[in-house]
Amino acid sequence: ILAGVRDSALERSRIECLAAASGELIEAIGIDGVPV
């Protein structure tokens, strides 16, 4: 799953790649925006 996570302090979003079966973080992707 590619999930957009908002950071209110920085007023931006980052994208996290999660395992659909467990929710475990696989990769933090340094991209700002909402995944489409």
PDB file of all heavy atoms in Angstrom:
ATOM      1  N   ILE A   1       0.856  -1.177   0.000  1.00  0.00           N
ATOM      2  CA  ILE A   1       0.000   0.000   0.000  1.00  0.00           C
ATOM      3  C   ILE A   1       0.893   1.228   0.000  1.00  0.00           C
ATOM      4  O   ILE A   1       1.878   1.287   0.744  1.00  0.00           O
ATOM      5  CB  ILE A   1      -0.906   0.026   1.239  1.00  0.00           C
ATOM      6  CG1 ILE A   1      -1.854  -1.169   1.251  1.00  0.00           C
ATOM      7  CG2 ILE A   1      -1.696   1.330   1.321  1.00  0.00           C
ATOM      8  CD1 ILE A   1      -2.534  -1.372   2.592  1.00  0.00           C
ATOM      9  N   LEU A   2       0.575   2.203  -0.835  1.00  0.00           N
ATOM     10  CA  LEU A   2       1.271   3.486  -0.813  1.00  0.00           C
ATOM     11  C   LEU A   2       0.347   4.492  -0.135  1.00  0.00           C
ATOM     12  O   LEU A   2      -0.731   4.791  -0.646  1.00  0.00           O
ATOM     13  CB  LEU A   2       1.617   3.945  -2.222  1.00  0.00           C
ATOM     14  CG  LEU A   2       2.573   3.048  -3.008  1.00  0.00           C
ATOM     15  CD1 LEU A   2       2.803   3.610  -4.399  1.00  0.00           C
ATOM     16  CD2 LEU A   2       3.896   2.874  -2.279  1.00  0.00           C
ATOM     17  N   ALA A   3       0.751   4.977   1.027  1.00  0.00           N
ATOM     18  CA  ALA A   3      -0.104   5.847   1.837  1.00  0.00           C
ATOM     19  C   ALA A   3       0.531   7.221   1.998  1.00  0.00           C
ATOM     20  O   ALA A   3       1.730   7.342   2.269  1.00  0.00           O
ATOM     21  CB  ALA A   3      -0.337   5.224   3.215  1.00  0.00           C
ATOM     22  N   GLY A   4      -0.290   8.262   1.823  1.00  0.00           N
ATOM     23  CA  GLY A   4       0.171   9.626   2.049  1.00  0.00           C
ATOM     24  C   GLY A   4       0.008   9.992   3.515  1.00  0.00           C
ATOM     25  O   GLY A   4      -1.069   9.847   4.084  1.00  0.00           O
ATOM     26  N   VAL A   5       1.078  10.444   4.142  1.00  0.00           N
ATOM     27  CA  VAL A   5       1.073  10.809   5.562  1.00  0.00           C
ATOM     28  C   VAL A   5       1.330  12.302   5.673  1.00  0.00           C
ATOM     29  O   VAL A   5       2.372  12.798   5.230  1.00  0.00           O
ATOM     30  CB  VAL A   5       2.151  10.035   6.345  1.00  0.00           C
ATOM     31  CG1 VAL A   5       2.000  10.293   7.842  1.00  0.00           C
ATOM     32  CG2 VAL A   5       2.074   8.548   6.054  1.00  0.00           C
ATOM     33  N   ARG A   6       0.392  13.036   6.254  1.00  0.00           N
ATOM     34  CA  ARG A   6       0.537  14.491   6.381  1.00  0.00           C
ATOM     35  C   ARG A   6       1.406  14.836   7.585  1.00  0.00           C
ATOM     36  O   ARG A   6       1.272  14.250   8.657  1.00  0.00           O
ATOM     37  CB  ARG A   6      -0.833  15.153   6.526  1.00  0.00           C
ATOM     38  CG  ARG A   6      -1.730  15.000   5.309  1.00  0.00           C
ATOM     39  CD  ARG A   6      -2.947  15.884   5.429  1.00  0.00           C
ATOM     40  NE  ARG A   6      -3.918  15.632   4.380  1.00  0.00           N
ATOM     41  CZ  ARG A   6      -3.858  16.140   3.162  1.00  0.00           C
ATOM     42  NH1 ARG A   6      -2.855  16.938   2.843  1.00  0.00           N
ATOM     43  NH2 ARG A   6      -4.791  15.869   2.267  1.00  0.00           N
ATOM     44  N   ASP A   7       2.265  15.821   7.393  1.00  0.00           N
ATOM     45  CA  ASP A   7       3.095  16.368   8.463  1.00  0.00           C
ATOM     46  C   ASP A   7       2.649  17.818   8.659  1.00  0.00           C
ATOM     47  O   ASP A   7       3.011  18.694   7.883  1.00  0.00           O
ATOM     48  CB  ASP A   7       4.573  16.297   8.095  1.00  0.00           C
ATOM     49  CG  ASP A   7       5.490  16.666   9.247  1.00  0.00           C
ATOM     50  OD1 ASP A   7       5.091  17.522  10.075  1.00  0.00           O
ATOM     51  OD2 ASP A   7       6.600  16.116   9.329  1.00  0.00           O
ATOM     52  N   SER A   8       1.827  18.062   9.681  1.00  0.00           N
ATOM     53  CA  SER A   8       1.260  19.401   9.887  1.00  0.00           C
ATOM     54  C   SER A   8       2.328  20.438  10.211  1.00  0.00           C
ATOM     55  O   SER A   8       2.186  21.611   9.871  1.00  0.00           O
ATOM     56  CB  SER A   8       0.213  19.361  11.004  1.00  0.00           C
ATOM     57  OG  SER A   8       0.785  18.877  12.210  1.00  0.00           O
ATOM     58  N   ALA A   9       3.405  20.013  10.870  1.00  0.00           N
ATOM     59  CA  ALA A   9       4.455  20.959  11.233  1.00  0.00           C
ATOM     60  C   ALA A   9       5.151  21.512   9.991  1.00  0.00           C
ATOM     61  O   ALA A   9       5.482  22.692   9.918  1.00  0.00           O
ATOM     62  CB  ALA A   9       5.470  20.289  12.156  1.00  0.00           C
ATOM     63  N   LEU A  10       5.349  20.635   8.980  1.00  0.00           N
ATOM     64  CA  LEU A  10       6.037  21.049   7.761  1.00  0.00           C
ATOM     65  C   LEU A  10       5.064  21.415   6.652  1.00  0.00           C
ATOM     66  O   LEU A  10       5.478  21.866   5.580  1.00  0.00           O
ATOM     67  CB  LEU A  10       6.955  19.919   7.270  1.00  0.00           C
ATOM     68  CG  LEU A  10       8.090  19.523   8.213  1.00  0.00           C
ATOM     69  CD1 LEU A  10       8.862  18.347   7.627  1.00  0.00           C
ATOM     70  CD2 LEU A  10       9.025  20.693   8.471  1.00  0.00           C
ATOM     71  N   GLU A  11       3.746  21.224   6.906  1.00  0.00           N
ATOM     72  CA  GLU A  11       2.705  21.490   5.913  1.00  0.00           C
ATOM     73  C   GLU A  11       3.003  20.775   4.602  1.00  0.00           C
ATOM     74  O   GLU A  11       2.933  21.349   3.516  1.00  0.00           O
ATOM     75  CB  GLU A  11       2.536  22.993   5.683  1.00  0.00           C
ATOM     76  CG  GLU A  11       2.009  23.743   6.895  1.00  0.00           C
ATOM     77  CD  GLU A  11       1.640  25.178   6.567  1.00  0.00           C
ATOM     78  OE1 GLU A  11       1.940  25.618   5.451  1.00  0.00           O
ATOM     79  OE2 GLU A  11       1.040  25.838   7.433  1.00  0.00           O
ATOM     80  N   ARG A  12       3.301  19.488   4.710  1.00  0.00           N
ATOM     81  CA  ARG A  12       3.558  18.685   3.524  1.00  0.00           C
ATOM     82  C   ARG A  12       3.162  17.243   3.821  1.00  0.00           C
ATOM     83  O   ARG A  12       2.825  16.895   4.941  1.00  0.00           O
ATOM     84  CB  ARG A  12       5.030  18.751   3.108  1.00  0.00           C
ATOM     85  CG  ARG A  12       6.004  18.289   4.172  1.00  0.00           C
ATOM     86  CD  ARG A  12       7.438  18.365   3.702  1.00  0.00           C
ATOM     87  NE  ARG A  12       7.677  17.461   2.584  1.00  0.00           N
ATOM     88  CZ  ARG A  12       8.841  17.401   1.944  1.00  0.00           C
ATOM     89  NH1 ARG A  12       9.829  18.202   2.278  1.00  0.00           N
ATOM     90  NH2 ARG A  12       9.022  16.547   0.951  1.00  0.00           N
ATOM     91  N   SER A  13       3.180  16.415   2.797  1.00  0.00           N
ATOM     92  CA  SER A  13       2.870  15.002   2.950  1.00  0.00           C
ATOM     93  C   SER A  13       4.056  14.185   2.456  1.00  0.00           C
ATOM     94  O   SER A  13       4.756  14.579   1.527  1.00  0.00           O
ATOM     95  CB  SER A  13       1.615  14.622   2.153  1.00  0.00           C
ATOM     96  OG  SER A  13       0.500  15.369   2.570  1.00  0.00           O
ATOM     97  N   ARG A  14       4.250  13.052   3.072  1.00  0.00           N
ATOM     98  CA  ARG A  14       5.245  12.100   2.588  1.00  0.00           C
ATOM     99  C   ARG A  14       4.527  10.800   2.254  1.00  0.00           C
ATOM    100  O   ARG A  14       3.385  10.602   2.638  1.00  0.00           O
ATOM    101  CB  ARG A  14       6.328  11.855   3.647  1.00  0.00           C
ATOM    102  CG  ARG A  14       5.842  11.132   4.886  1.00  0.00           C
ATOM    103  CD  ARG A  14       6.939  10.941   5.908  1.00  0.00           C
ATOM    104  NE  ARG A  14       6.506  10.131   7.038  1.00  0.00           N
ATOM    105  CZ  ARG A  14       5.834  10.586   8.086  1.00  0.00           C
ATOM    106  NH1 ARG A  14       5.518  11.882   8.149  1.00  0.00           N
ATOM    107  NH2 ARG A  14       5.468   9.777   9.058  1.00  0.00           N
ATOM    108  N   ILE A  15       5.185   9.933   1.536  1.00  0.00           N
ATOM    109  CA  ILE A  15       4.575   8.676   1.139  1.00  0.00           C
ATOM    110  C   ILE A  15       5.286   7.517   1.829  1.00  0.00           C
ATOM    111  O   ILE A  15       6.518   7.450   1.843  1.00  0.00           O
ATOM    112  CB  ILE A  15       4.623   8.508  -0.386  1.00  0.00           C
ATOM    113  CG1 ILE A  15       3.774   9.600  -1.043  1.00  0.00           C
ATOM    114  CG2 ILE A  15       4.129   7.131  -0.806  1.00  0.00           C
ATOM    115  CD1 ILE A  15       3.814   9.587  -2.554  1.00  0.00           C
ATOM    116  N   GLU A  16       4.495   6.632   2.415  1.00  0.00           N
ATOM    117  CA  GLU A  16       5.027   5.424   3.046  1.00  0.00           C
ATOM    118  C   GLU A  16       4.530   4.203   2.285  1.00  0.00           C
ATOM    119  O   GLU A  16       3.359   4.129   1.910  1.00  0.00           O
ATOM    120  CB  GLU A  16       4.595   5.323   4.514  1.00  0.00           C
ATOM    121  CG  GLU A  16       5.222   6.379   5.411  1.00  0.00           C
ATOM    122  CD  GLU A  16       4.870   6.179   6.873  1.00  0.00           C
ATOM    123  OE1 GLU A  16       3.984   5.335   7.169  1.00  0.00           O
ATOM    124  OE2 GLU A  16       5.472   6.851   7.728  1.00  0.00           O
ATOM    125  N   CYS A  17       5.426   3.260   2.051  1.00  0.00           N
ATOM    126  CA  CYS A  17       5.073   1.982   1.448  1.00  0.00           C
ATOM    127  C   CYS A  17       4.883   0.973   2.576  1.00  0.00           C
ATOM    128  O   CYS A  17       5.818   0.697   3.330  1.00  0.00           O
ATOM    129  CB  CYS A  17       6.166   1.523   0.485  1.00  0.00           C
ATOM    130  SG  CYS A  17       5.817  -0.065  -0.302  1.00  0.00           S
ATOM    131  N   LEU A  18       3.647   0.439   2.715  1.00  0.00           N
ATOM    132  CA  LEU A  18       3.305  -0.468   3.803  1.00  0.00           C
ATOM    133  C   LEU A  18       2.958  -1.847   3.251  1.00  0.00           C
ATOM    134  O   LEU A  18       2.436  -1.975   2.133  1.00  0.00           O
ATOM    135  CB  LEU A  18       2.099   0.061   4.593  1.00  0.00           C
ATOM    136  CG  LEU A  18       2.155   1.500   5.096  1.00  0.00           C
ATOM    137  CD1 LEU A  18       0.833   1.864   5.762  1.00  0.00           C
ATOM    138  CD2 LEU A  18       3.317   1.693   6.067  1.00  0.00           C
ATOM    139  N   ALA A  19       3.217  -2.888   4.053  1.00  0.00           N
ATOM    140  CA  ALA A  19       2.778  -4.233   3.709  1.00  0.00           C
ATOM    141  C   ALA A  19       1.277  -4.323   3.960  1.00  0.00           C
ATOM    142  O   ALA A  19       0.812  -4.027   5.060  1.00  0.00           O
ATOM    143  CB  ALA A  19       3.521  -5.268   4.548  1.00  0.00           C
ATOM    144  N   ALA A  20       0.504  -4.707   2.949  1.00  0.00           N
ATOM    145  CA  ALA A  20      -0.950  -4.764   3.092  1.00  0.00           C
ATOM    146  C   ALA A  20      -1.374  -5.780   4.147  1.00  0.00           C
ATOM    147  O   ALA A  20      -2.376  -5.593   4.831  1.00  0.00           O
ATOM    148  CB  ALA A  20      -1.589  -5.097   1.745  1.00  0.00           C
ATOM    149  N   ALA A  21      -0.633  -6.849   4.298  1.00  0.00           N
ATOM    150  CA  ALA A  21      -1.020  -7.912   5.228  1.00  0.00           C
ATOM    151  C   ALA A  21      -0.782  -7.551   6.685  1.00  0.00           C
ATOM    152  O   ALA A  21      -1.516  -8.006   7.569  1.00  0.00           O
ATOM    153  CB  ALA A  21      -0.271  -9.199   4.887  1.00  0.00           C
ATOM    154  N   SER A  22       0.215  -6.699   6.953  1.00  0.00           N
ATOM    155  CA  SER A  22       0.599  -6.432   8.340  1.00  0.00           C
ATOM    156  C   SER A  22       0.650  -4.961   8.717  1.00  0.00           C
ATOM    157  O   SER A  22       0.669  -4.619   9.907  1.00  0.00           O
ATOM    158  CB  SER A  22       1.974  -7.045   8.620  1.00  0.00           C
ATOM    159  OG  SER A  22       2.972  -6.407   7.816  1.00  0.00           O
ATOM    160  N   GLY A  23       0.686  -4.060   7.739  1.00  0.00           N
ATOM    161  CA  GLY A  23       0.841  -2.633   8.014  1.00  0.00           C
ATOM    162  C   GLY A  23       2.267  -2.231   8.304  1.00  0.00           C
ATOM    163  O   GLY A  23       2.555  -1.075   8.602  1.00  0.00           O
ATOM    164  N   GLU A  24       3.187  -3.183   8.219  1.00  0.00           N
ATOM    165  CA  GLU A  24       4.597  -2.896   8.502  1.00  0.00           C
ATOM    166  C   GLU A  24       5.173  -1.939   7.462  1.00  0.00           C
ATOM    167  O   GLU A  24       4.886  -2.046   6.270  1.00  0.00           O
ATOM    168  CB  GLU A  24       5.393  -4.203   8.491  1.00  0.00           C
ATOM    169  CG  GLU A  24       6.881  -4.031   8.738  1.00  0.00           C
ATOM    170  CD  GLU A  24       7.642  -5.343   8.640  1.00  0.00           C
ATOM    171  OE1 GLU A  24       6.990  -6.382   8.436  1.00  0.00           O
ATOM    172  OE2 GLU A  24       8.878  -5.305   8.753  1.00  0.00           O
ATOM    173  N   LEU A  25       5.978  -0.978   7.932  1.00  0.00           N
ATOM    174  CA  LEU A  25       6.630  -0.029   7.033  1.00  0.00           C
ATOM    175  C   LEU A  25       7.727  -0.737   6.253  1.00  0.00           C
ATOM    176  O   LEU A  25       8.657  -1.290   6.823  1.00  0.00           O
ATOM    177  CB  LEU A  25       7.224   1.130   7.833  1.00  0.00           C
ATOM    178  CG  LEU A  25       8.008   2.171   7.023  1.00  0.00           C
ATOM    179  CD1 LEU A  25       7.094   2.893   6.038  1.00  0.00           C
ATOM    180  CD2 LEU A  25       8.687   3.172   7.949  1.00  0.00           C
ATOM    181  N   ILE A  26       7.597  -0.727   4.937  1.00  0.00           N
ATOM    182  CA  ILE A  26       8.609  -1.316   4.065  1.00  0.00           C
ATOM    183  C   ILE A  26       9.617  -0.270   3.627  1.00  0.00           C
ATOM    184  O   ILE A  26      10.819  -0.504   3.614  1.00  0.00           O
ATOM    185  CB  ILE A  26       7.949  -1.960   2.836  1.00  0.00           C
ATOM    186  CG1 ILE A  26       7.032  -3.110   3.268  1.00  0.00           C
ATOM    187  CG2 ILE A  26       8.996  -2.458   1.853  1.00  0.00           C
ATOM    188  CD1 ILE A  26       6.235  -3.707   2.128  1.00  0.00           C
ATOM    189  N   GLU A  27       9.086   0.919   3.295  1.00  0.00           N
ATOM    190  CA  GLU A  27       9.959   1.972   2.771  1.00  0.00           C
ATOM    191  C   GLU A  27       9.320   3.332   2.975  1.00  0.00           C
ATOM    192  O   GLU A  27       8.119   3.491   2.753  1.00  0.00           O
ATOM    193  CB  GLU A  27      10.200   1.729   1.272  1.00  0.00           C
ATOM    194  CG  GLU A  27      11.089   2.743   0.594  1.00  0.00           C
ATOM    195  CD  GLU A  27      11.221   2.497  -0.898  1.00  0.00           C
ATOM    196  OE1 GLU A  27      10.518   1.605  -1.423  1.00  0.00           O
ATOM    197  OE2 GLU A  27      12.016   3.208  -1.536  1.00  0.00           O
ATOM    198  N   ALA A  28      10.101   4.295   3.432  1.00  0.00           N
ATOM    199  CA  ALA A  28       9.662   5.689   3.486  1.00  0.00           C
ATOM    200  C   ALA A  28      10.189   6.371   2.230  1.00  0.00           C
ATOM    201  O   ALA A  28      11.401   6.430   2.006  1.00  0.00           O
ATOM    202  CB  ALA A  28      10.201   6.373   4.736  1.00  0.00           C
ATOM    203  N   ILE A  29       9.266   6.842   1.394  1.00  0.00           N
ATOM    204  CA  ILE A  29       9.638   7.419   0.106  1.00  0.00           C
ATOM    205  C   ILE A  29       9.643   8.937   0.233  1.00  0.00           C
ATOM    206  O   ILE A  29       8.638   9.532   0.620  1.00  0.00           O
ATOM    207  CB  ILE A  29       8.647   6.972  -0.983  1.00  0.00           C
ATOM    208  CG1 ILE A  29       8.612   5.442  -1.048  1.00  0.00           C
ATOM    209  CG2 ILE A  29       9.033   7.553  -2.338  1.00  0.00           C
ATOM    210  CD1 ILE A  29       7.538   4.893  -1.948  1.00  0.00           C
ATOM    211  N   GLY A  30      10.753   9.551  -0.077  1.00  0.00           N
ATOM    212  CA  GLY A  30      10.907  10.990   0.116  1.00  0.00           C
ATOM    213  C   GLY A  30      10.263  11.808  -0.971  1.00  0.00           C
ATOM    214  O   GLY A  30      10.937  12.577  -1.682  1.00  0.00           O
ATOM    215  N   ILE A  31       8.957  11.654  -1.145  1.00  0.00           N
ATOM    216  CA  ILE A  31       8.208  12.371  -2.180  1.00  0.00           C
ATOM    217  C   ILE A  31       7.074  13.117  -1.505  1.00  0.00           C
ATOM    218  O   ILE A  31       6.348  12.557  -0.690  1.00  0.00           O
ATOM    219  CB  ILE A  31       7.652  11.394  -3.233  1.00  0.00           C
ATOM    220  CG1 ILE A  31       8.804  10.713  -3.984  1.00  0.00           C
ATOM    221  CG2 ILE A  31       6.746  12.121  -4.206  1.00  0.00           C
ATOM    222  CD1 ILE A  31       8.343   9.636  -4.936  1.00  0.00           C
ATOM    223  N   ASP A  32       6.916  14.397  -1.838  1.00  0.00           N
ATOM    224  CA  ASP A  32       5.862  15.226  -1.265  1.00  0.00           C
ATOM    225  C   ASP A  32       4.636  15.185  -2.169  1.00  0.00           C
ATOM    226  O   ASP A  32       4.742  15.407  -3.369  1.00  0.00           O
ATOM    227  CB  ASP A  32       6.366  16.668  -1.128  1.00  0.00           C
ATOM    228  CG  ASP A  32       5.329  17.584  -0.489  1.00  0.00           C
ATOM    229  OD1 ASP A  32       4.389  17.061   0.145  1.00  0.00           O
ATOM    230  OD2 ASP A  32       5.466  18.806  -0.620  1.00  0.00           O
ATOM    231  N   GLY A  33       3.457  14.896  -1.587  1.00  0.00           N
ATOM    232  CA  GLY A  33       2.231  14.903  -2.368  1.00  0.00           C
ATOM    233  C   GLY A  33       1.296  13.779  -1.992  1.00  0.00           C
ATOM    234  O   GLY A  33       1.593  12.962  -1.124  1.00  0.00           O
ATOM    235  N   VAL A  34       0.153  13.740  -2.656  1.00  0.00           N
ATOM    236  CA  VAL A  34      -0.861  12.719  -2.435  1.00  0.00           C
ATOM    237  C   VAL A  34      -0.703  11.638  -3.497  1.00  0.00           C
ATOM    238  O   VAL A  34      -0.732  11.946  -4.699  1.00  0.00           O
ATOM    239  CB  VAL A  34      -2.272  13.335  -2.524  1.00  0.00           C
ATOM    240  CG1 VAL A  34      -3.341  12.259  -2.385  1.00  0.00           C
ATOM    241  CG2 VAL A  34      -2.442  14.413  -1.454  1.00  0.00           C
ATOM    242  N   PRO A  35      -0.525  10.371  -3.122  1.00  0.00           N
ATOM    243  CA  PRO A  35      -0.359   9.319  -4.133  1.00  0.00           C
ATOM    244  C   PRO A  35      -1.624   9.141  -4.963  1.00  0.00           C
ATOM    245  O   PRO A  35      -2.730   9.073  -4.430  1.00  0.00           O
ATOM    246  CB  PRO A  35      -0.046   8.069  -3.297  1.00  0.00           C
ATOM    247  CG  PRO A  35      -0.645   8.346  -1.951  1.00  0.00           C
ATOM    248  CD  PRO A  35      -0.502   9.829  -1.750  1.00  0.00           C
ATOM    249  N   VAL A  36      -1.449   9.062  -6.285  1.00  0.00           N
ATOM    250  CA  VAL A  36      -2.579   8.952  -7.211  1.00  0.00           C
ATOM    251  C   VAL A  36      -2.570   7.615  -7.946  1.00  0.00           C
ATOM    252  O   VAL A  36      -3.599   6.961  -8.083  1.00  0.00           O
ATOM    253  CB  VAL A  36      -2.542  10.104  -8.243  1.00  0.00           C
ATOM    254  CG1 VAL A  36      -3.595   9.902  -9.331  1.00  0.00           C
ATOM    255  CG2 VAL A  36      -2.743  11.443  -7.542  1.00  0.00           C
TER     256      VAL A  36
END
